[in-house]
PDB file of N, CA and C in Angstrom:
ATOM      1  N   UNK A   1      -7.747  17.306 -36.714  1.00  0.00           N
ATOM      2  CA  UNK A   1      -8.995  18.204 -35.811  1.00  0.00           C
ATOM      3  C   UNK A   1      -9.443  18.928 -36.573  1.00  0.00           C
ATOM      4  N   UNK A   2     -10.083  19.503 -36.868  1.00  0.00           N
ATOM      5  CA  UNK A   2     -10.621  20.442 -38.044  1.00  0.00           C
ATOM      6  C   UNK A   2     -11.981  21.842 -36.952  1.00  0.00           C
ATOM      7  N   UNK A   3     -11.949  22.975 -37.429  1.00  0.00           N
ATOM      8  CA  UNK A   3     -12.460  23.749 -36.660  1.00  0.00           C
ATOM      9  C   UNK A   3     -13.548  23.701 -37.585  1.00  0.00           C
ATOM     10  N   UNK A   4     -14.629  24.145 -37.236  1.00  0.00           N
ATOM     11  CA  UNK A   4     -15.788  24.360 -38.102  1.00  0.00           C
ATOM     12  C   UNK A   4     -15.562  25.916 -38.786  1.00  0.00           C
ATOM     13  N   UNK A   5     -16.011  26.647 -40.148  1.00  0.00           N
ATOM     14  CA  UNK A   5     -15.936  27.823 -40.489  1.00  0.00           C
ATOM     15  C   UNK A   5     -16.466  29.005 -39.591  1.00  0.00           C
ATOM     16  N   UNK A   6     -17.995  28.565 -38.598  1.00  0.00           N
ATOM     17  CA  UNK A   6     -18.673  29.138 -37.724  1.00  0.00           C
ATOM     18  C   UNK A   6     -17.537  29.700 -36.689  1.00  0.00           C
ATOM     19  N   UNK A   7     -17.107  28.876 -35.935  1.00  0.00           N
ATOM     20  CA  UNK A   7     -16.094  28.716 -35.215  1.00  0.00           C
ATOM     21  C   UNK A   7     -15.309  29.520 -34.900  1.00  0.00           C
ATOM     22  N   UNK A   8     -15.051  29.907 -36.567  1.00  0.00           N
ATOM     23  CA  UNK A   8     -13.396  30.882 -36.671  1.00  0.00           C
ATOM     24  C   UNK A   8     -13.570  32.179 -36.565  1.00  0.00           C
ATOM     25  N   UNK A   9     -15.199  32.580 -36.523  1.00  0.00           N
ATOM     26  CA  UNK A   9     -15.211  33.906 -37.158  1.00  0.00           C
ATOM     27  C   UNK A   9     -14.985  34.621 -35.588  1.00  0.00           C
ATOM     28  N   UNK A  10     -14.643  35.818 -35.698  1.00  0.00           N
ATOM     29  CA  UNK A  10     -14.689  36.804 -34.557  1.00  0.00           C
ATOM     30  C   UNK A  10     -15.772  36.751 -33.741  1.00  0.00           C
ATOM     31  N   UNK A  11     -15.824  37.240 -32.549  1.00  0.00           N
ATOM     32  CA  UNK A  11     -16.991  37.112 -31.524  1.00  0.00           C
ATOM     33  C   UNK A  11     -17.507  38.540 -31.927  1.00  0.00           C
ATOM     34  N   UNK A  12     -18.745  38.868 -32.251  1.00  0.00           N
ATOM     35  CA  UNK A  12     -19.410  40.088 -32.717  1.00  0.00           C
ATOM     36  C   UNK A  12     -19.721  40.331 -31.113  1.00  0.00           C
ATOM     37  N   UNK A  13     -19.554  41.927 -31.206  1.00  0.00           N
ATOM     38  CA  UNK A  13     -19.988  42.532 -29.447  1.00  0.00           C
ATOM     39  C   UNK A  13     -21.650  43.008 -29.959  1.00  0.00           C
ATOM     40  N   UNK A  14     -22.084  42.771 -29.189  1.00  0.00           N
ATOM     41  CA  UNK A  14     -23.870  43.307 -28.965  1.00  0.00           C
ATOM     42  C   UNK A  14     -24.026  44.861 -29.531  1.00  0.00           C
ATOM     43  N   UNK A  15     -24.909  45.089 -30.026  1.00  0.00           N
ATOM     44  CA  UNK A  15     -25.164  46.024 -30.806  1.00  0.00           C
ATOM     45  C   UNK A  15     -26.054  47.048 -30.626  1.00  0.00           C
ATOM     46  N   UNK A  16     -25.937  48.578 -30.170  1.00  0.00           N
ATOM     47  CA  UNK A  16     -27.183  49.211 -29.568  1.00  0.00           C
ATOM     48  C   UNK A  16     -27.823  49.654 -31.075  1.00  0.00           C
ATOM     49  N   UNK A  17     -29.147  49.834 -31.271  1.00  0.00           N
ATOM     50  CA  UNK A  17     -30.122  50.481 -32.100  1.00  0.00           C
ATOM     51  C   UNK A  17     -29.482  51.985 -32.255  1.00  0.00           C
ATOM     52  N   UNK A  18     -29.211  53.176 -30.858  1.00  0.00           N
ATOM     53  CA  UNK A  18     -28.775  54.041 -31.047  1.00  0.00           C
ATOM     54  C   UNK A  18     -27.287  54.013 -30.340  1.00  0.00           C
ATOM     55  N   UNK A  19     -26.497  55.404 -31.422  1.00  0.00           N
ATOM     56  CA  UNK A  19     -25.383  55.304 -31.034  1.00  0.00           C
ATOM     57  C   UNK A  19     -25.224  56.041 -29.506  1.00  0.00           C
ATOM     58  N   UNK A  20     -24.789  55.800 -28.923  1.00  0.00           N
ATOM     59  CA  UNK A  20     -24.538  56.628 -27.603  1.00  0.00           C
ATOM     60  C   UNK A  20     -24.088  58.107 -27.856  1.00  0.00           C
ATOM     61  N   UNK A  21     -23.872  58.884 -27.075  1.00  0.00           N
ATOM     62  CA  UNK A  21     -23.012  60.098 -26.728  1.00  0.00           C
ATOM     63  C   UNK A  21     -22.191  60.252 -26.213  1.00  0.00           C
ATOM     64  N   UNK A  22     -20.926  60.869 -26.251  1.00  0.00           N
ATOM     65  CA  UNK A  22     -19.763  61.384 -26.072  1.00  0.00           C
ATOM     66  C   UNK A  22     -19.918  61.867 -24.628  1.00  0.00           C
ATOM     67  N   UNK A  23     -20.809  61.770 -23.763  1.00  0.00           N
ATOM     68  CA  UNK A  23     -20.854  61.783 -22.578  1.00  0.00           C
ATOM     69  C   UNK A  23     -20.009  61.528 -21.505  1.00  0.00           C
ATOM     70  N   UNK A  24     -19.317  62.038 -20.664  1.00  0.00           N
ATOM     71  CA  UNK A  24     -18.588  60.879 -19.574  1.00  0.00           C
ATOM     72  C   UNK A  24     -19.472  60.146 -18.932  1.00  0.00           C
ATOM     73  N   UNK A  25     -21.063  59.943 -19.046  1.00  0.00           N
ATOM     74  CA  UNK A  25     -21.743  58.948 -18.170  1.00  0.00           C
ATOM     75  C   UNK A  25     -21.727  58.236 -19.735  1.00  0.00           C
ATOM     76  N   UNK A  26     -22.000  58.455 -20.871  1.00  0.00           N
ATOM     77  CA  UNK A  26     -22.212  57.487 -21.587  1.00  0.00           C
ATOM     78  C   UNK A  26     -20.831  56.669 -21.898  1.00  0.00           C
ATOM     79  N   UNK A  27     -19.350  57.164 -21.511  1.00  0.00           N
ATOM     80  CA  UNK A  27     -17.905  56.606 -21.798  1.00  0.00           C
ATOM     81  C   UNK A  27     -18.189  55.805 -20.674  1.00  0.00           C
ATOM     82  N   UNK A  28     -18.738  55.720 -19.001  1.00  0.00           N
ATOM     83  CA  UNK A  28     -18.273  54.821 -18.215  1.00  0.00           C
ATOM     84  C   UNK A  28     -19.630  53.516 -18.552  1.00  0.00           C
ATOM     85  N   UNK A  29     -20.690  54.184 -18.693  1.00  0.00           N
ATOM     86  CA  UNK A  29     -21.449  53.036 -19.401  1.00  0.00           C
ATOM     87  C   UNK A  29     -21.026  51.651 -19.830  1.00  0.00           C
ATOM     88  N   UNK A  30     -20.369  52.546 -21.358  1.00  0.00           N
ATOM     89  CA  UNK A  30     -19.762  51.892 -22.482  1.00  0.00           C
ATOM     90  C   UNK A  30     -18.371  50.891 -21.956  1.00  0.00           C
ATOM     91  N   UNK A  31     -17.599  51.398 -20.527  1.00  0.00           N
ATOM     92  CA  UNK A  31     -16.462  50.930 -20.257  1.00  0.00           C
ATOM     93  C   UNK A  31     -17.143  49.398 -19.221  1.00  0.00           C
ATOM     94  N   UNK A  32     -18.269  50.247 -18.773  1.00  0.00           N
ATOM     95  CA  UNK A  32     -18.732  48.749 -17.814  1.00  0.00           C
ATOM     96  C   UNK A  32     -19.192  47.910 -18.746  1.00  0.00           C
ATOM     97  N   UNK A  33     -19.623  48.273 -19.816  1.00  0.00           N
ATOM     98  CA  UNK A  33     -20.900  46.840 -20.810  1.00  0.00           C
ATOM     99  C   UNK A  33     -19.227  46.185 -21.381  1.00  0.00           C
ATOM    100  N   UNK A  34     -18.363  46.659 -21.721  1.00  0.00           N
ATOM    101  CA  UNK A  34     -16.832  45.980 -21.989  1.00  0.00           C
ATOM    102  C   UNK A  34     -16.301  45.221 -21.125  1.00  0.00           C
ATOM    103  N   UNK A  35     -16.426  45.619 -20.114  1.00  0.00           N
ATOM    104  CA  UNK A  35     -15.772  44.933 -18.278  1.00  0.00           C
ATOM    105  C   UNK A  35     -16.740  43.550 -18.195  1.00  0.00           C
ATOM    106  N   UNK A  36     -17.913  44.044 -18.434  1.00  0.00           N
ATOM    107  CA  UNK A  36     -19.000  42.624 -18.111  1.00  0.00           C
ATOM    108  C   UNK A  36     -18.695  41.609 -19.308  1.00  0.00           C
ATOM    109  N   UNK A  37     -18.469  42.208 -20.491  1.00  0.00           N
ATOM    110  CA  UNK A  37     -18.219  41.340 -21.490  1.00  0.00           C
ATOM    111  C   UNK A  37     -16.601  40.508 -21.361  1.00  0.00           C
ATOM    112  N   UNK A  38     -15.828  41.332 -20.841  1.00  0.00           N
ATOM    113  CA  UNK A  38     -14.685  40.675 -20.835  1.00  0.00           C
ATOM    114  C   UNK A  38     -14.416  39.799 -19.637  1.00  0.00           C
ATOM    115  N   UNK A  39     -15.643  39.431 -18.606  1.00  0.00           N
ATOM    116  CA  UNK A  39     -16.023  39.133 -17.594  1.00  0.00           C
ATOM    117  C   UNK A  39     -16.336  37.568 -18.129  1.00  0.00           C
ATOM    118  N   UNK A  40     -17.507  37.761 -18.960  1.00  0.00           N
ATOM    119  CA  UNK A  40     -18.622  36.993 -19.228  1.00  0.00           C
ATOM    120  C   UNK A  40     -17.279  35.908 -20.035  1.00  0.00           C
ATOM    121  N   UNK A  41     -16.535  36.916 -21.015  1.00  0.00           N
ATOM    122  CA  UNK A  41     -15.852  35.618 -22.045  1.00  0.00           C
ATOM    123  C   UNK A  41     -14.534  34.418 -21.445  1.00  0.00           C
ATOM    124  N   UNK A  42     -14.202  35.138 -19.681  1.00  0.00           N
ATOM    125  CA  UNK A  42     -13.238  34.948 -20.065  1.00  0.00           C
ATOM    126  C   UNK A  42     -13.805  33.627 -18.884  1.00  0.00           C
ATOM    127  N   UNK A  43     -15.065  33.775 -18.498  1.00  0.00           N
ATOM    128  CA  UNK A  43     -15.379  32.388 -17.793  1.00  0.00           C
ATOM    129  C   UNK A  43     -16.035  31.526 -18.763  1.00  0.00           C
ATOM    130  N   UNK A  44     -16.561  31.580 -19.852  1.00  0.00           N
ATOM    131  CA  UNK A  44     -16.475  30.948 -20.748  1.00  0.00           C
ATOM    132  C   UNK A  44     -15.229  30.532 -21.028  1.00  0.00           C
ATOM    133  N   UNK A  45     -14.257  31.081 -20.869  1.00  0.00           N
ATOM    134  CA  UNK A  45     -13.365  30.276 -21.930  1.00  0.00           C
ATOM    135  C   UNK A  45     -12.431  28.923 -20.489  1.00  0.00           C
ATOM    136  N   UNK A  46     -12.850  29.456 -19.469  1.00  0.00           N
ATOM    137  CA  UNK A  46     -12.429  28.761 -18.007  1.00  0.00           C
ATOM    138  C   UNK A  46     -13.802  27.406 -18.240  1.00  0.00           C
ATOM    139  N   UNK A  47     -14.819  27.545 -18.421  1.00  0.00           N
ATOM    140  CA  UNK A  47     -16.169  26.233 -19.030  1.00  0.00           C
ATOM    141  C   UNK A  47     -15.022  25.544 -20.308  1.00  0.00           C
ATOM    142  N   UNK A  48     -14.948  26.351 -21.092  1.00  0.00           N
ATOM    143  CA  UNK A  48     -14.039  25.225 -22.452  1.00  0.00           C
ATOM    144  C   UNK A  48     -13.233  24.610 -21.888  1.00  0.00           C
ATOM    145  N   UNK A  49     -12.277  25.469 -21.162  1.00  0.00           N
ATOM    146  CA  UNK A  49     -10.841  24.391 -20.935  1.00  0.00           C
ATOM    147  C   UNK A  49     -11.104  23.241 -19.650  1.00  0.00           C
ATOM    148  N   UNK A  50     -12.246  23.623 -19.156  1.00  0.00           N
ATOM    149  CA  UNK A  50     -12.407  22.584 -18.101  1.00  0.00           C
ATOM    150  C   UNK A  50     -13.092  21.372 -19.201  1.00  0.00           C
ATOM    151  N   UNK A  51     -14.094  21.388 -19.892  1.00  0.00           N
ATOM    152  CA  UNK A  51     -14.908  20.663 -20.853  1.00  0.00           C
ATOM    153  C   UNK A  51     -14.111  19.987 -21.556  1.00  0.00           C
ATOM    154  N   UNK A  52     -12.580  20.806 -22.158  1.00  0.00           N
ATOM    155  CA  UNK A  52     -11.916  20.381 -23.271  1.00  0.00           C
ATOM    156  C   UNK A  52     -11.424  19.226 -22.249  1.00  0.00           C
ATOM    157  N   UNK A  53     -10.598  19.371 -21.101  1.00  0.00           N
ATOM    158  CA  UNK A  53     -10.184  18.624 -19.884  1.00  0.00           C
ATOM    159  C   UNK A  53     -10.885  17.047 -19.594  1.00  0.00           C
ATOM    160  N   UNK A  54     -12.325  17.589 -19.749  1.00  0.00           N
ATOM    161  CA  UNK A  54     -13.002  16.226 -19.585  1.00  0.00           C
ATOM    162  C   UNK A  54     -13.135  15.866 -20.878  1.00  0.00           C
ATOM    163  N   UNK A  55     -12.911  15.829 -21.921  1.00  0.00           N
ATOM    164  CA  UNK A  55     -12.740  15.482 -23.356  1.00  0.00           C
ATOM    165  C   UNK A  55     -11.863  14.608 -23.323  1.00  0.00           C
ATOM    166  N   UNK A  56     -10.500  15.292 -23.471  1.00  0.00           N
ATOM    167  CA  UNK A  56      -9.312  14.308 -23.154  1.00  0.00           C
ATOM    168  C   UNK A  56      -9.176  13.030 -21.877  1.00  0.00           C
ATOM    169  N   UNK A  57     -10.117  14.015 -20.742  1.00  0.00           N
ATOM    170  CA  UNK A  57     -10.029  12.252 -19.881  1.00  0.00           C
ATOM    171  C   UNK A  57     -10.745  11.149 -20.323  1.00  0.00           C
ATOM    172  N   UNK A  58     -11.843  11.682 -20.944  1.00  0.00           N
ATOM    173  CA  UNK A  58     -13.127  10.643 -21.460  1.00  0.00           C
ATOM    174  C   UNK A  58     -12.093   9.757 -22.742  1.00  0.00           C
ATOM    175  N   UNK A  59     -11.142  10.608 -23.725  1.00  0.00           N
ATOM    176  CA  UNK A  59     -10.690   9.507 -25.093  1.00  0.00           C
ATOM    177  C   UNK A  59      -9.962   8.828 -24.214  1.00  0.00           C
ATOM    178  N   UNK A  60      -8.503   9.089 -23.403  1.00  0.00           N
ATOM    179  CA  UNK A  60      -8.092   8.335 -22.952  1.00  0.00           C
ATOM    180  C   UNK A  60      -8.410   7.058 -21.937  1.00  0.00           C
ATOM    181  N   UNK A  61      -9.946   7.403 -21.240  1.00  0.00           N
ATOM    182  CA  UNK A  61     -10.849   6.507 -20.858  1.00  0.00           C
ATOM    183  C   UNK A  61     -11.201   4.686 -22.179  1.00  0.00           C
ATOM    184  N   UNK A  62     -11.382   5.570 -22.745  1.00  0.00           N
ATOM    185  CA  UNK A  62     -12.014   4.803 -23.672  1.00  0.00           C
ATOM    186  C   UNK A  62     -10.706   4.072 -24.948  1.00  0.00           C
ATOM    187  N   UNK A  63      -9.355   4.998 -25.107  1.00  0.00           N
ATOM    188  CA  UNK A  63      -8.288   4.534 -25.696  1.00  0.00           C
ATOM    189  C   UNK A  63      -7.977   2.881 -24.564  1.00  0.00           C
ATOM    190  N   UNK A  64      -8.166   3.131 -23.294  1.00  0.00           N
ATOM    191  CA  UNK A  64      -7.543   2.187 -22.160  1.00  0.00           C
ATOM    192  C   UNK A  64      -8.367   1.063 -22.449  1.00  0.00           C
ATOM    193  N   UNK A  65      -9.788   1.504 -22.415  1.00  0.00           N
ATOM    194  CA  UNK A  65     -11.309   0.512 -22.339  1.00  0.00           C
ATOM    195  C   UNK A  65     -10.757  -0.482 -23.895  1.00  0.00           C
ATOM    196  N   UNK A  66     -10.717  -0.102 -25.067  1.00  0.00           N
ATOM    197  CA  UNK A  66     -10.643  -0.724 -26.214  1.00  0.00           C
ATOM    198  C   UNK A  66      -9.605  -1.370 -26.165  1.00  0.00           C
ATOM    199  N   UNK A  67      -8.504  -0.808 -25.637  1.00  0.00           N
ATOM    200  CA  UNK A  67      -6.820  -1.483 -25.865  1.00  0.00           C
ATOM    201  C   UNK A  67      -7.361  -2.864 -24.586  1.00  0.00           C
ATOM    202  N   UNK A  68      -7.977  -2.924 -23.645  1.00  0.00           N
ATOM    203  CA  UNK A  68      -8.593  -4.073 -22.591  1.00  0.00           C
ATOM    204  C   UNK A  68      -9.288  -5.297 -23.549  1.00  0.00           C
ATOM    205  N   UNK A  69     -10.088  -4.657 -24.247  1.00  0.00           N
ATOM    206  CA  UNK A  69     -11.385  -4.688 -24.824  1.00  0.00           C
ATOM    207  C   UNK A  69     -10.749  -5.766 -26.324  1.00  0.00           C
ATOM    208  N   UNK A  70      -9.485  -5.420 -26.864  1.00  0.00           N
ATOM    209  CA  UNK A  70      -8.670  -5.938 -27.684  1.00  0.00           C
ATOM    210  C   UNK A  70      -7.819  -7.049 -27.342  1.00  0.00           C
ATOM    211  N   UNK A  71      -6.974  -7.400 -25.905  1.00  0.00           N
ATOM    212  CA  UNK A  71      -6.929  -8.059 -25.234  1.00  0.00           C
ATOM    213  C   UNK A  71      -7.689  -9.064 -25.122  1.00  0.00           C
ATOM    214  N   UNK A  72      -9.015  -8.885 -24.717  1.00  0.00           N
ATOM    215  CA  UNK A  72      -9.481  -9.705 -23.942  1.00  0.00           C
ATOM    216  C   UNK A  72     -10.565 -10.489 -25.359  1.00  0.00           C
ATOM    217  N   UNK A  73     -10.390  -9.746 -26.536  1.00  0.00           N
ATOM    218  CA  UNK A  73     -11.469 -10.797 -27.661  1.00  0.00           C
ATOM    219  C   UNK A  73      -9.845 -11.757 -28.156  1.00  0.00           C
ATOM    220  N   UNK A  74      -8.761 -10.787 -28.039  1.00  0.00           N
ATOM    221  CA  UNK A  74      -7.584 -12.177 -28.310  1.00  0.00           C
ATOM    222  C   UNK A  74      -7.740 -13.225 -27.709  1.00  0.00           C
ATOM    223  N   UNK A  75      -7.652 -12.890 -26.066  1.00  0.00           N
ATOM    224  CA  UNK A  75      -7.750 -14.209 -25.624  1.00  0.00           C
ATOM    225  C   UNK A  75      -8.934 -15.245 -25.167  1.00  0.00           C
ATOM    226  N   UNK A  76     -10.041 -14.460 -25.753  1.00  0.00           N
ATOM    227  CA  UNK A  76     -11.339 -14.998 -26.122  1.00  0.00           C
ATOM    228  C   UNK A  76     -11.539 -15.929 -27.250  1.00  0.00           C
ATOM    229  N   UNK A  77     -10.875 -15.605 -28.067  1.00  0.00           N
ATOM    230  CA  UNK A  77     -10.623 -16.218 -29.370  1.00  0.00           C
ATOM    231  C   UNK A  77      -9.472 -17.510 -29.174  1.00  0.00           C
ATOM    232  N   UNK A  78      -8.695 -17.634 -28.560  1.00  0.00           N
ATOM    233  CA  UNK A  78      -8.165 -18.865 -28.025  1.00  0.00           C
ATOM    234  C   UNK A  78      -9.053 -19.700 -27.445  1.00  0.00           C
ATOM    235  N   UNK A  79      -9.371 -19.383 -26.194  1.00  0.00           N
ATOM    236  CA  UNK A  79     -10.211 -19.773 -25.231  1.00  0.00           C
ATOM    237  C   UNK A  79     -11.542 -20.312 -26.125  1.00  0.00           C
ATOM    238  N   UNK A  80     -11.847 -19.095 -27.096  1.00  0.00           N
ATOM    239  CA  UNK A  80     -13.266 -19.905 -28.011  1.00  0.00           C
ATOM    240  C   UNK A  80     -12.772 -21.300 -28.525  1.00  0.00           C
ATOM    241  N   UNK A  81     -11.580 -21.560 -29.487  1.00  0.00           N
ATOM    242  CA  UNK A  81     -11.412 -22.865 -30.313  1.00  0.00           C
ATOM    243  C   UNK A  81     -11.234 -23.684 -29.467  1.00  0.00           C
ATOM    244  N   UNK A  82     -10.319 -23.630 -28.180  1.00  0.00           N
ATOM    245  CA  UNK A  82     -10.364 -24.995 -26.449  1.00  0.00           C
ATOM    246  C   UNK A  82     -11.870 -25.368 -26.449  1.00  0.00           C
ATOM    247  N   UNK A  83     -12.607 -24.304 -26.149  1.00  0.00           N
ATOM    248  CA  UNK A  83     -14.443 -24.500 -26.187  1.00  0.00           C
ATOM    249  C   UNK A  83     -14.237 -25.030 -26.725  1.00  0.00           C
ATOM    250  N   UNK A  84     -14.550 -24.699 -28.439  1.00  0.00           N
ATOM    251  CA  UNK A  84     -15.687 -25.377 -29.187  1.00  0.00           C
ATOM    252  C   UNK A  84     -14.923 -26.780 -29.265  1.00  0.00           C
ATOM    253  N   UNK A  85     -13.424 -26.593 -29.240  1.00  0.00           N
ATOM    254  CA  UNK A  85     -13.569 -28.341 -29.193  1.00  0.00           C
ATOM    255  C   UNK A  85     -14.130 -29.361 -28.654  1.00  0.00           C
ATOM    256  N   UNK A  86     -13.749 -29.063 -27.280  1.00  0.00           N
ATOM    257  CA  UNK A  86     -14.283 -29.428 -26.045  1.00  0.00           C
ATOM    258  C   UNK A  86     -15.614 -29.650 -25.987  1.00  0.00           C
ATOM    259  N   UNK A  87     -16.333 -28.591 -26.481  1.00  0.00           N
ATOM    260  CA  UNK A  87     -17.750 -28.374 -26.371  1.00  0.00           C
ATOM    261  C   UNK A  87     -18.463 -30.159 -27.601  1.00  0.00           C
ATOM    262  N   UNK A  88     -17.390 -30.034 -29.053  1.00  0.00           N
ATOM    263  CA  UNK A  88     -17.933 -30.808 -29.562  1.00  0.00           C
ATOM    264  C   UNK A  88     -17.842 -32.294 -29.164  1.00  0.00           C
ATOM    265  N   UNK A  89     -16.519 -32.586 -28.402  1.00  0.00           N
ATOM    266  CA  UNK A  89     -15.676 -34.097 -28.259  1.00  0.00           C
ATOM    267  C   UNK A  89     -17.016 -34.308 -27.149  1.00  0.00           C
ATOM    268  N   UNK A  90     -17.551 -33.136 -26.300  1.00  0.00           N
ATOM    269  CA  UNK A  90     -18.897 -33.946 -25.739  1.00  0.00           C
ATOM    270  C   UNK A  90     -20.049 -33.855 -25.857  1.00  0.00           C
ATOM    271  N   UNK A  91     -20.282 -33.400 -27.022  1.00  0.00           N
ATOM    272  CA  UNK A  91     -21.526 -34.193 -27.933  1.00  0.00           C
ATOM    273  C   UNK A  91     -21.340 -35.464 -28.665  1.00  0.00           C
ATOM    274  N   UNK A  92     -20.098 -35.419 -28.562  1.00  0.00           N
ATOM    275  CA  UNK A  92     -19.717 -36.398 -29.516  1.00  0.00           C
ATOM    276  C   UNK A  92     -19.809 -38.124 -28.646  1.00  0.00           C
ATOM    277  N   UNK A  93     -19.691 -37.886 -27.726  1.00  0.00           N
ATOM    278  CA  UNK A  93     -19.513 -38.604 -26.438  1.00  0.00           C
ATOM    279  C   UNK A  93     -20.668 -39.294 -25.473  1.00  0.00           C
ATOM    280  N   UNK A  94     -21.504 -37.626 -25.776  1.00  0.00           N
ATOM    281  CA  UNK A  94     -22.480 -38.111 -25.091  1.00  0.00           C
ATOM    282  C   UNK A  94     -23.872 -39.245 -25.848  1.00  0.00           C
ATOM    283  N   UNK A  95     -24.527 -40.058 -25.514  1.00  0.00           N
ATOM    284  CA  UNK A  95     -25.482 -40.974 -26.365  1.00  0.00           C
ATOM    285  C   UNK A  95     -26.429 -39.941 -26.558  1.00  0.00           C
ATOM    286  N   UNK A  96     -27.104 -40.328 -27.694  1.00  0.00           N
ATOM    287  CA  UNK A  96     -28.312 -39.543 -27.920  1.00  0.00           C
ATOM    288  C   UNK A  96     -29.243 -40.068 -27.458  1.00  0.00           C
ATOM    289  N   UNK A  97     -29.848 -40.741 -27.330  1.00  0.00           N
ATOM    290  CA  UNK A  97     -30.753 -41.850 -26.152  1.00  0.00           C
ATOM    291  C   UNK A  97     -30.639 -42.341 -25.831  1.00  0.00           C
ATOM    292  N   UNK A  98     -31.391 -42.344 -23.873  1.00  0.00           N
ATOM    293  CA  UNK A  98     -31.146 -42.614 -22.795  1.00  0.00           C
ATOM    294  C   UNK A  98     -32.241 -43.017 -22.232  1.00  0.00           C
ATOM    295  N   UNK A  99     -31.995 -43.453 -21.269  1.00  0.00           N
ATOM    296  CA  UNK A  99     -33.608 -44.077 -20.408  1.00  0.00           C
ATOM    297  C   UNK A  99     -32.980 -43.929 -18.890  1.00  0.00           C
ATOM    298  N   UNK A 100     -33.998 -42.453 -18.110  1.00  0.00           N
ATOM    299  CA  UNK A 100     -34.199 -42.113 -17.340  1.00  0.00           C
ATOM    300  C   UNK A 100     -34.888 -43.170 -16.245  1.00  0.00           C
ATOM    301  N   UNK A 101     -34.895 -43.601 -15.235  1.00  0.00           N
ATOM    302  CA  UNK A 101     -35.737 -43.957 -14.061  1.00  0.00           C
ATOM    303  C   UNK A 101     -36.063 -42.533 -12.800  1.00  0.00           C
ATOM    304  N   UNK A 102     -37.178 -42.887 -12.995  1.00  0.00           N
ATOM    305  CA  UNK A 102     -37.379 -41.787 -11.948  1.00  0.00           C
ATOM    306  C   UNK A 102     -38.914 -42.288 -10.647  1.00  0.00           C
ATOM    307  N   UNK A 103     -38.285 -42.180  -9.683  1.00  0.00           N
ATOM    308  CA  UNK A 103     -39.372 -43.320  -8.615  1.00  0.00           C
ATOM    309  C   UNK A 103     -40.184 -44.216  -9.305  1.00  0.00           C
ATOM    310  N   UNK A 104     -39.547 -45.126  -9.732  1.00  0.00           N
ATOM    311  CA  UNK A 104     -39.924 -46.396 -10.741  1.00  0.00           C
ATOM    312  C   UNK A 104     -40.418 -46.071 -11.932  1.00  0.00           C
ATOM    313  N   UNK A 105     -40.693 -45.031 -11.969  1.00  0.00           N
ATOM    314  CA  UNK A 105     -41.520 -44.449 -13.685  1.00  0.00           C
ATOM    315  C   UNK A 105     -40.225 -44.198 -14.825  1.00  0.00           C
ATOM    316  N   UNK A 106     -40.556 -44.948 -15.792  1.00  0.00           N
ATOM    317  CA  UNK A 106     -39.388 -45.022 -16.673  1.00  0.00           C
ATOM    318  C   UNK A 106     -39.626 -44.154 -17.838  1.00  0.00           C
ATOM    319  N   UNK A 107     -38.332 -43.337 -17.908  1.00  0.00           N
ATOM    320  CA  UNK A 107     -38.998 -41.813 -19.215  1.00  0.00           C
ATOM    321  C   UNK A 107     -37.719 -42.241 -20.401  1.00  0.00           C
ATOM    322  N   UNK A 108     -38.302 -42.547 -21.514  1.00  0.00           N
ATOM    323  CA  UNK A 108     -37.485 -42.353 -22.598  1.00  0.00           C
ATOM    324  C   UNK A 108     -37.090 -41.132 -23.049  1.00  0.00           C
ATOM    325  N   UNK A 109     -35.808 -40.232 -23.454  1.00  0.00           N
ATOM    326  CA  UNK A 109     -35.739 -39.315 -23.450  1.00  0.00           C
ATOM    327  C   UNK A 109     -35.078 -39.251 -25.113  1.00  0.00           C
ATOM    328  N   UNK A 110     -35.305 -38.115 -25.547  1.00  0.00           N
ATOM    329  CA  UNK A 110     -34.673 -38.204 -27.091  1.00  0.00           C
ATOM    330  C   UNK A 110     -34.440 -36.637 -27.025  1.00  0.00           C
ATOM    331  N   UNK A 111     -33.631 -36.288 -28.418  1.00  0.00           N
ATOM    332  CA  UNK A 111     -32.984 -35.057 -29.223  1.00  0.00           C
ATOM    333  C   UNK A 111     -33.870 -34.718 -30.312  1.00  0.00           C
ATOM    334  N   UNK A 112     -34.593 -33.556 -29.823  1.00  0.00           N
ATOM    335  CA  UNK A 112     -34.870 -32.860 -31.087  1.00  0.00           C
ATOM    336  C   UNK A 112     -34.020 -31.629 -31.444  1.00  0.00           C
ATOM    337  N   UNK A 113     -33.698 -32.271 -32.988  1.00  0.00           N
ATOM    338  CA  UNK A 113     -32.601 -30.600 -33.671  1.00  0.00           C
ATOM    339  C   UNK A 113     -34.010 -30.378 -34.783  1.00  0.00           C
ATOM    340  N   UNK A 114     -33.379 -29.113 -34.465  1.00  0.00           N
ATOM    341  CA  UNK A 114     -34.422 -27.918 -35.468  1.00  0.00           C
ATOM    342  C   UNK A 114     -33.776 -27.303 -35.673  1.00  0.00           C
TER     343      UNK A 114
END
C-alpha cells in the first residue's frame, strides 16, 4: 500500500494574521487553541481507526465472497457441461414437427430457427 505524497506532509497549524503579544492572557489563549487542536486530532484519529477497521472488515468479506464465487463457478462449469450435454440429447430426441389436437381443432406446429 502506498501513501500519497500529500498525506506524508506534517499537519500545518492554523496561522494567525497578527502575532500575539506575550501576555498571560495571550498565552492562555494559545494553550486553549493547542488543546482544542489536540482534541480535534485525537477525534480524527479515532474516526480514521474506525474507518480502517470498517475497510479491513469489508475487504475480508469481499475475499470470502470471491472465494465462494470461485467455488460456484467451478461447480457450475462441471454442471453446465453435463446440463449442456443433456440439453443436446433432449433436442435430438424431440421431433421437429408434431400435430396437436385441441378441442377437435388440429394445429400443426413447426420450429423456426433464426
